[in-house]
Amino acid sequence: MKIQIICVGKLKEGYLRELMDTYAKEIQKKYSFEVIELADEQTPDHAGEKENMKIKELEGKRILAKIPEESLIVVLCIEGTPLSSESFVKKWTQWKRQSIPCVTFIIGGSLGLSKQVVSRSNLKLSFSQMTFPHQLMRVILTEQLSRL
């Protein structure tokens, strides 16, 4: 089984990259693992709703182009289903039994995800009702994946 994370924006802070590398090594002991960082669009100051939607659509097209056809798609979004770590492991076990070849996790940019990306997902997952920086969310997700 392959695990793929598609995220908008680069992980810039060295300490976060070190954590990612640590968790990635654990994941790679059991699974093929790949992180794809996509360019984020610059959001002008005081951008309106229409401009924000356009930015999300541009980022969404980049995301959709990177998803393997056979992949199960999990988007991280605040309106998603919250799962405990134990429930997440159970869901993962179910996917393994179904012989899902690839699970792709998607983390959007600062404006979130386009409707096209969210509608393509098999699962909308929420880690909290709080909003976290997408760079930190990448580390949190990778830590959870390292427990599988």
N, C-alpha and C. Protein backbone atom coordinates (compact mmCIF):
# COMPACT_ATOMS: atom_id res chain seq x y z
N MET A 1 0.84 -1.18 0.00
CA MET A 1 0.00 0.00 0.00
C MET A 1 0.88 1.24 0.00
N LYS A 2 0.44 2.24 -0.73
CA LYS A 2 1.19 3.49 -0.82
C LYS A 2 0.43 4.58 -0.07
N ILE A 3 1.17 5.42 0.63
CA ILE A 3 0.62 6.59 1.29
C ILE A 3 1.20 7.81 0.60
N GLN A 4 0.31 8.71 0.23
CA GLN A 4 0.73 9.93 -0.45
C GLN A 4 0.08 11.11 0.27
N ILE A 5 0.87 12.15 0.50
CA ILE A 5 0.33 13.41 1.02
C ILE A 5 0.56 14.46 -0.05
N ILE A 6 -0.52 15.09 -0.47
CA ILE A 6 -0.42 16.22 -1.40
C ILE A 6 -0.77 17.46 -0.60
N CYS A 7 0.14 18.43 -0.61
CA CYS A 7 -0.10 19.63 0.18
C CYS A 7 0.29 20.88 -0.61
N VAL A 8 -0.40 21.94 -0.31
CA VAL A 8 -0.13 23.22 -0.95
C VAL A 8 0.84 23.98 -0.07
N GLY A 9 1.93 24.43 -0.65
CA GLY A 9 2.93 25.19 0.09
C GLY A 9 4.11 24.32 0.49
N LYS A 10 5.22 24.98 0.73
CA LYS A 10 6.45 24.30 1.12
C LYS A 10 6.57 24.31 2.64
N LEU A 11 7.21 23.29 3.17
CA LEU A 11 7.53 23.23 4.58
C LEU A 11 8.86 23.95 4.76
N LYS A 12 8.82 25.15 5.34
CA LYS A 12 10.00 26.01 5.38
C LYS A 12 10.82 25.87 6.65
N GLU A 13 10.16 25.68 7.78
CA GLU A 13 10.87 25.65 9.05
C GLU A 13 11.65 24.34 9.20
N GLY A 14 12.92 24.47 9.52
CA GLY A 14 13.79 23.30 9.66
C GLY A 14 13.33 22.33 10.72
N TYR A 15 12.86 22.83 11.85
CA TYR A 15 12.43 21.94 12.93
C TYR A 15 11.21 21.12 12.54
N LEU A 16 10.32 21.69 11.73
CA LEU A 16 9.16 20.93 11.25
C LEU A 16 9.60 19.88 10.23
N ARG A 17 10.54 20.24 9.38
CA ARG A 17 11.05 19.30 8.39
C ARG A 17 11.75 18.12 9.09
N GLU A 18 12.47 18.40 10.17
CA GLU A 18 13.12 17.32 10.93
C GLU A 18 12.08 16.36 11.50
N LEU A 19 11.01 16.90 12.05
CA LEU A 19 9.94 16.05 12.58
C LEU A 19 9.32 15.22 11.46
N MET A 20 9.05 15.85 10.32
CA MET A 20 8.49 15.12 9.18
C MET A 20 9.40 13.97 8.78
N ASP A 21 10.69 14.25 8.71
CA ASP A 21 11.65 13.21 8.32
C ASP A 21 11.65 12.05 9.31
N THR A 22 11.57 12.37 10.60
CA THR A 22 11.54 11.33 11.63
C THR A 22 10.32 10.43 11.45
N TYR A 23 9.14 11.03 11.29
CA TYR A 23 7.91 10.25 11.13
C TYR A 23 7.89 9.53 9.79
N ALA A 24 8.43 10.15 8.76
CA ALA A 24 8.47 9.52 7.43
C ALA A 24 9.30 8.23 7.46
N LYS A 25 10.39 8.23 8.20
CA LYS A 25 11.22 7.03 8.31
C LYS A 25 10.43 5.88 8.92
N GLU A 26 9.60 6.18 9.90
CA GLU A 26 8.76 5.14 10.52
C GLU A 26 7.73 4.61 9.53
N ILE A 27 7.11 5.51 8.79
CA ILE A 27 6.10 5.10 7.80
C ILE A 27 6.75 4.22 6.73
N GLN A 28 7.94 4.60 6.28
CA GLN A 28 8.61 3.89 5.19
C GLN A 28 9.07 2.49 5.58
N LYS A 29 9.03 2.17 6.85
CA LYS A 29 9.34 0.80 7.28
C LYS A 29 8.24 -0.17 6.86
N LYS A 30 7.02 0.36 6.67
CA LYS A 30 5.87 -0.48 6.35
C LYS A 30 5.22 -0.17 5.01
N TYR A 31 5.34 1.07 4.56
CA TYR A 31 4.61 1.51 3.37
C TYR A 31 5.50 2.35 2.46
N SER A 32 5.08 2.40 1.21
CA SER A 32 5.67 3.36 0.30
C SER A 32 5.08 4.72 0.69
N PHE A 33 5.91 5.76 0.79
CA PHE A 33 5.45 7.05 1.30
C PHE A 33 6.00 8.18 0.45
N GLU A 34 5.13 9.12 0.11
CA GLU A 34 5.53 10.24 -0.74
C GLU A 34 4.79 11.49 -0.30
N VAL A 35 5.52 12.60 -0.23
CA VAL A 35 4.92 13.91 0.02
C VAL A 35 5.14 14.76 -1.22
N ILE A 36 4.05 15.31 -1.74
CA ILE A 36 4.11 16.17 -2.91
C ILE A 36 3.74 17.58 -2.48
N GLU A 37 4.68 18.49 -2.58
CA GLU A 37 4.44 19.89 -2.24
C GLU A 37 4.14 20.66 -3.52
N LEU A 38 3.00 21.33 -3.52
CA LEU A 38 2.60 22.12 -4.68
C LEU A 38 2.71 23.61 -4.38
N ALA A 39 2.96 24.38 -5.42
CA ALA A 39 3.07 25.83 -5.25
C ALA A 39 1.74 26.41 -4.78
N ASP A 40 1.84 27.37 -3.87
CA ASP A 40 0.63 28.06 -3.45
C ASP A 40 0.52 29.39 -4.19
N GLU A 41 -0.70 29.81 -4.39
CA GLU A 41 -0.95 31.09 -5.05
C GLU A 41 -0.81 32.22 -4.03
N GLN A 42 -0.27 33.32 -4.47
CA GLN A 42 -0.18 34.49 -3.60
C GLN A 42 -1.57 35.10 -3.45
N THR A 43 -1.97 35.32 -2.21
CA THR A 43 -3.27 35.94 -1.95
C THR A 43 -3.03 37.42 -1.68
N PRO A 44 -3.58 38.27 -2.54
CA PRO A 44 -3.41 39.71 -2.33
C PRO A 44 -4.08 40.16 -1.03
N ASP A 45 -3.52 41.20 -0.42
CA ASP A 45 -4.16 41.77 0.77
C ASP A 45 -5.56 42.23 0.41
N HIS A 46 -6.47 42.01 1.29
CA HIS A 46 -7.87 42.42 1.12
C HIS A 46 -8.54 41.78 -0.09
N ALA A 47 -8.14 40.56 -0.41
CA ALA A 47 -8.77 39.85 -1.54
C ALA A 47 -10.23 39.56 -1.20
N GLY A 48 -11.07 39.66 -2.19
CA GLY A 48 -12.49 39.37 -2.00
C GLY A 48 -12.78 37.89 -2.16
N GLU A 49 -14.03 37.53 -1.89
CA GLU A 49 -14.47 36.14 -1.97
C GLU A 49 -14.25 35.56 -3.37
N LYS A 50 -14.54 36.35 -4.39
CA LYS A 50 -14.38 35.88 -5.77
C LYS A 50 -12.91 35.57 -6.07
N GLU A 51 -12.03 36.43 -5.62
CA GLU A 51 -10.60 36.22 -5.85
C GLU A 51 -10.09 35.00 -5.06
N ASN A 52 -10.58 34.85 -3.84
CA ASN A 52 -10.20 33.68 -3.03
C ASN A 52 -10.67 32.38 -3.69
N MET A 53 -11.88 32.38 -4.25
CA MET A 53 -12.39 31.18 -4.94
C MET A 53 -11.50 30.85 -6.14
N LYS A 54 -11.08 31.86 -6.87
CA LYS A 54 -10.22 31.65 -8.04
C LYS A 54 -8.89 31.03 -7.61
N ILE A 55 -8.33 31.51 -6.51
CA ILE A 55 -7.07 30.97 -5.99
C ILE A 55 -7.25 29.51 -5.61
N LYS A 56 -8.33 29.19 -4.89
CA LYS A 56 -8.58 27.80 -4.49
C LYS A 56 -8.77 26.91 -5.71
N GLU A 57 -9.43 27.42 -6.74
CA GLU A 57 -9.61 26.63 -7.97
C GLU A 57 -8.28 26.34 -8.66
N LEU A 58 -7.39 27.33 -8.72
CA LEU A 58 -6.07 27.12 -9.33
C LEU A 58 -5.28 26.08 -8.55
N GLU A 59 -5.26 26.22 -7.23
CA GLU A 59 -4.56 25.24 -6.40
C GLU A 59 -5.22 23.88 -6.52
N GLY A 60 -6.55 23.86 -6.60
CA GLY A 60 -7.29 22.60 -6.73
C GLY A 60 -6.95 21.85 -8.01
N LYS A 61 -6.78 22.57 -9.11
CA LYS A 61 -6.40 21.93 -10.38
C LYS A 61 -5.04 21.26 -10.24
N ARG A 62 -4.11 21.91 -9.56
CA ARG A 62 -2.78 21.32 -9.35
C ARG A 62 -2.89 20.06 -8.50
N ILE A 63 -3.72 20.11 -7.48
CA ILE A 63 -3.91 18.95 -6.60
C ILE A 63 -4.49 17.78 -7.38
N LEU A 64 -5.59 18.03 -8.09
CA LEU A 64 -6.27 16.96 -8.82
C LEU A 64 -5.36 16.31 -9.86
N ALA A 65 -4.46 17.07 -10.44
CA ALA A 65 -3.55 16.53 -11.45
C ALA A 65 -2.55 15.54 -10.86
N LYS A 66 -2.34 15.58 -9.55
CA LYS A 66 -1.33 14.73 -8.90
C LYS A 66 -1.91 13.47 -8.27
N ILE A 67 -3.23 13.34 -8.23
CA ILE A 67 -3.84 12.20 -7.56
C ILE A 67 -3.84 10.98 -8.48
N PRO A 68 -3.28 9.86 -8.04
CA PRO A 68 -3.34 8.64 -8.85
C PRO A 68 -4.79 8.19 -9.02
N GLU A 69 -5.12 7.66 -10.18
CA GLU A 69 -6.49 7.25 -10.47
C GLU A 69 -7.04 6.22 -9.48
N GLU A 70 -6.22 5.29 -9.04
CA GLU A 70 -6.68 4.20 -8.18
C GLU A 70 -6.68 4.56 -6.70
N SER A 71 -6.44 5.83 -6.38
CA SER A 71 -6.26 6.23 -5.00
C SER A 71 -7.57 6.51 -4.27
N LEU A 72 -7.59 6.15 -3.00
CA LEU A 72 -8.65 6.57 -2.10
C LEU A 72 -8.22 7.96 -1.60
N ILE A 73 -9.13 8.91 -1.61
CA ILE A 73 -8.77 10.30 -1.34
C ILE A 73 -9.35 10.76 -0.01
N VAL A 74 -8.47 11.28 0.85
CA VAL A 74 -8.87 11.81 2.15
C VAL A 74 -8.46 13.28 2.19
N VAL A 75 -9.45 14.16 2.33
CA VAL A 75 -9.14 15.59 2.45
C VAL A 75 -9.21 15.99 3.92
N LEU A 76 -8.28 16.81 4.34
CA LEU A 76 -8.29 17.33 5.69
C LEU A 76 -9.01 18.67 5.67
N CYS A 77 -10.12 18.74 6.39
CA CYS A 77 -10.89 19.97 6.43
C CYS A 77 -11.65 20.05 7.74
N ILE A 78 -11.88 21.25 8.20
CA ILE A 78 -12.50 21.46 9.50
C ILE A 78 -13.91 20.89 9.58
N GLU A 79 -14.61 20.84 8.44
CA GLU A 79 -15.99 20.32 8.44
C GLU A 79 -16.03 18.80 8.25
N GLY A 80 -14.87 18.17 8.28
CA GLY A 80 -14.80 16.72 8.11
C GLY A 80 -15.20 15.95 9.34
N THR A 81 -15.13 14.63 9.24
CA THR A 81 -15.45 13.73 10.34
C THR A 81 -14.27 13.63 11.29
N PRO A 82 -14.48 13.90 12.57
CA PRO A 82 -13.38 13.72 13.53
C PRO A 82 -13.24 12.24 13.89
N LEU A 83 -12.02 11.75 13.92
CA LEU A 83 -11.75 10.37 14.31
C LEU A 83 -10.72 10.35 15.42
N SER A 84 -10.89 9.46 16.36
CA SER A 84 -9.84 9.24 17.35
C SER A 84 -8.70 8.48 16.66
N SER A 85 -7.56 8.42 17.30
CA SER A 85 -6.45 7.65 16.74
C SER A 85 -6.84 6.20 16.55
N GLU A 86 -7.59 5.66 17.51
CA GLU A 86 -8.03 4.26 17.43
C GLU A 86 -8.99 4.05 16.26
N SER A 87 -9.92 4.98 16.07
CA SER A 87 -10.87 4.88 14.96
C SER A 87 -10.16 5.01 13.61
N PHE A 88 -9.14 5.84 13.58
CA PHE A 88 -8.36 6.02 12.36
C PHE A 88 -7.64 4.71 12.00
N VAL A 89 -7.08 4.04 13.00
CA VAL A 89 -6.41 2.76 12.76
C VAL A 89 -7.41 1.72 12.25
N LYS A 90 -8.62 1.70 12.81
CA LYS A 90 -9.65 0.77 12.35
C LYS A 90 -10.01 1.05 10.89
N LYS A 91 -10.15 2.32 10.54
CA LYS A 91 -10.47 2.68 9.16
C LYS A 91 -9.33 2.24 8.24
N TRP A 92 -8.10 2.45 8.67
CA TRP A 92 -6.93 2.05 7.90
C TRP A 92 -6.92 0.54 7.67
N THR A 93 -7.22 -0.22 8.72
CA THR A 93 -7.27 -1.67 8.63
C THR A 93 -8.34 -2.10 7.61
N GLN A 94 -9.45 -1.42 7.62
CA GLN A 94 -10.52 -1.70 6.66
C GLN A 94 -10.03 -1.45 5.22
N TRP A 95 -9.32 -0.36 5.01
CA TRP A 95 -8.80 -0.06 3.67
C TRP A 95 -7.80 -1.12 3.24
N LYS A 96 -6.97 -1.59 4.15
CA LYS A 96 -6.01 -2.64 3.82
C LYS A 96 -6.73 -3.92 3.41
N ARG A 97 -7.79 -4.27 4.15
CA ARG A 97 -8.57 -5.47 3.81
C ARG A 97 -9.22 -5.34 2.43
N GLN A 98 -9.56 -4.13 2.05
CA GLN A 98 -10.16 -3.88 0.74
C GLN A 98 -9.11 -3.81 -0.36
N SER A 99 -7.86 -3.96 -0.01
CA SER A 99 -6.73 -3.90 -0.95
C SER A 99 -6.67 -2.58 -1.70
N ILE A 100 -6.91 -1.49 -1.00
CA ILE A 100 -6.77 -0.16 -1.59
C ILE A 100 -5.28 0.03 -1.90
N PRO A 101 -4.91 0.29 -3.16
CA PRO A 101 -3.49 0.38 -3.50
C PRO A 101 -2.79 1.65 -3.02
N CYS A 102 -3.57 2.74 -2.90
CA CYS A 102 -2.96 4.02 -2.53
C CYS A 102 -3.99 4.85 -1.78
N VAL A 103 -3.54 5.49 -0.71
CA VAL A 103 -4.38 6.45 0.01
C VAL A 103 -3.68 7.80 -0.08
N THR A 104 -4.41 8.77 -0.62
CA THR A 104 -3.88 10.12 -0.80
C THR A 104 -4.56 11.06 0.18
N PHE A 105 -3.75 11.70 1.01
CA PHE A 105 -4.23 12.71 1.95
C PHE A 105 -3.95 14.07 1.35
N ILE A 106 -4.91 14.97 1.44
CA ILE A 106 -4.77 16.29 0.83
C ILE A 106 -4.93 17.38 1.88
N ILE A 107 -3.92 18.26 1.92
CA ILE A 107 -3.94 19.42 2.81
C ILE A 107 -3.88 20.66 1.92
N GLY A 108 -4.90 21.49 2.01
CA GLY A 108 -4.96 22.69 1.19
C GLY A 108 -4.06 23.80 1.70
N GLY A 109 -4.12 24.90 1.00
CA GLY A 109 -3.36 26.08 1.38
C GLY A 109 -4.09 26.90 2.43
N SER A 110 -3.67 28.13 2.60
CA SER A 110 -4.22 28.98 3.66
C SER A 110 -5.70 29.30 3.47
N LEU A 111 -6.20 29.19 2.24
CA LEU A 111 -7.62 29.46 1.99
C LEU A 111 -8.48 28.20 2.03
N GLY A 112 -7.85 27.05 2.16
CA GLY A 112 -8.59 25.80 2.17
C GLY A 112 -8.57 25.12 0.82
N LEU A 113 -9.55 24.25 0.60
CA LEU A 113 -9.62 23.44 -0.62
C LEU A 113 -10.77 23.87 -1.52
N SER A 114 -10.59 23.66 -2.80
CA SER A 114 -11.65 23.96 -3.76
C SER A 114 -12.79 22.95 -3.62
N LYS A 115 -13.96 23.33 -4.07
CA LYS A 115 -15.12 22.43 -4.05
C LYS A 115 -14.84 21.18 -4.88
N GLN A 116 -14.11 21.33 -5.97
CA GLN A 116 -13.81 20.19 -6.85
C GLN A 116 -12.98 19.14 -6.12
N VAL A 117 -12.02 19.58 -5.33
CA VAL A 117 -11.17 18.64 -4.59
C VAL A 117 -11.99 17.96 -3.50
N VAL A 118 -12.75 18.73 -2.75
CA VAL A 118 -13.56 18.16 -1.66
C VAL A 118 -14.58 17.17 -2.21
N SER A 119 -15.20 17.50 -3.34
CA SER A 119 -16.22 16.60 -3.89
C SER A 119 -15.62 15.30 -4.43
N ARG A 120 -14.35 15.31 -4.75
CA ARG A 120 -13.67 14.11 -5.26
C ARG A 120 -13.25 13.16 -4.14
N SER A 121 -13.31 13.63 -2.91
CA SER A 121 -12.79 12.84 -1.78
C SER A 121 -13.71 11.68 -1.41
N ASN A 122 -13.08 10.65 -0.84
CA ASN A 122 -13.81 9.51 -0.28
C ASN A 122 -14.09 9.73 1.21
N LEU A 123 -13.28 10.57 1.84
CA LEU A 123 -13.45 10.86 3.26
C LEU A 123 -12.98 12.29 3.52
N LYS A 124 -13.81 13.02 4.26
CA LYS A 124 -13.41 14.33 4.77
C LYS A 124 -13.04 14.12 6.22
N LEU A 125 -11.81 14.41 6.57
CA LEU A 125 -11.28 14.13 7.90
C LEU A 125 -10.95 15.43 8.61
N SER A 126 -11.38 15.53 9.86
CA SER A 126 -11.07 16.69 10.69
C SER A 126 -10.24 16.24 11.88
N PHE A 127 -9.17 16.93 12.14
CA PHE A 127 -8.36 16.64 13.32
C PHE A 127 -8.81 17.46 14.52
N SER A 128 -9.57 18.54 14.25
CA SER A 128 -10.03 19.40 15.34
C SER A 128 -10.97 20.44 14.76
N GLN A 129 -11.77 21.05 15.63
CA GLN A 129 -12.58 22.18 15.22
C GLN A 129 -11.74 23.46 15.15
N MET A 130 -10.53 23.37 15.68
CA MET A 130 -9.61 24.51 15.62
C MET A 130 -8.94 24.55 14.26
N THR A 131 -8.45 25.71 13.90
CA THR A 131 -7.71 25.88 12.66
C THR A 131 -6.21 25.85 12.98
N PHE A 132 -5.48 24.98 12.26
CA PHE A 132 -4.04 24.88 12.43
C PHE A 132 -3.35 25.35 11.15
N PRO A 133 -2.13 25.87 11.27
CA PRO A 133 -1.37 26.19 10.06
C PRO A 133 -1.18 24.92 9.24
N HIS A 134 -1.30 25.03 7.91
CA HIS A 134 -1.23 23.81 7.09
C HIS A 134 0.14 23.13 7.20
N GLN A 135 1.19 23.88 7.49
CA GLN A 135 2.50 23.26 7.66
C GLN A 135 2.53 22.38 8.92
N LEU A 136 1.94 22.86 9.99
CA LEU A 136 1.88 22.07 11.22
C LEU A 136 0.95 20.88 11.03
N MET A 137 -0.12 21.05 10.30
CA MET A 137 -1.06 19.95 10.06
C MET A 137 -0.38 18.80 9.34
N ARG A 138 0.54 19.12 8.46
CA ARG A 138 1.30 18.09 7.74
C ARG A 138 2.10 17.22 8.73
N VAL A 139 2.70 17.86 9.73
CA VAL A 139 3.46 17.12 10.74
C VAL A 139 2.53 16.27 11.59
N ILE A 140 1.39 16.83 11.99
CA ILE A 140 0.43 16.09 12.82
C ILE A 140 -0.08 14.86 12.06
N LEU A 141 -0.44 15.04 10.80
CA LEU A 141 -0.91 13.92 9.99
C LEU A 141 0.17 12.85 9.87
N THR A 142 1.38 13.25 9.58
CA THR A 142 2.47 12.30 9.39
C THR A 142 2.75 11.54 10.69
N GLU A 143 2.63 12.22 11.82
CA GLU A 143 2.81 11.53 13.09
C GLU A 143 1.75 10.44 13.27
N GLN A 144 0.51 10.74 12.93
CA GLN A 144 -0.56 9.74 13.05
C GLN A 144 -0.31 8.58 12.10
N LEU A 145 0.14 8.87 10.89
CA LEU A 145 0.43 7.82 9.92
C LEU A 145 1.59 6.93 10.38
N SER A 146 2.52 7.50 11.13
CA SER A 146 3.66 6.70 11.59
C SER A 146 3.24 5.65 12.61
N ARG A 147 2.04 5.75 13.16
CA ARG A 147 1.54 4.79 14.16
C ARG A 147 0.88 3.57 13.51
N LEU A 148 0.63 3.65 12.19
CA LEU A 148 -0.11 2.56 11.53
C LEU A 148 0.71 1.28 11.46
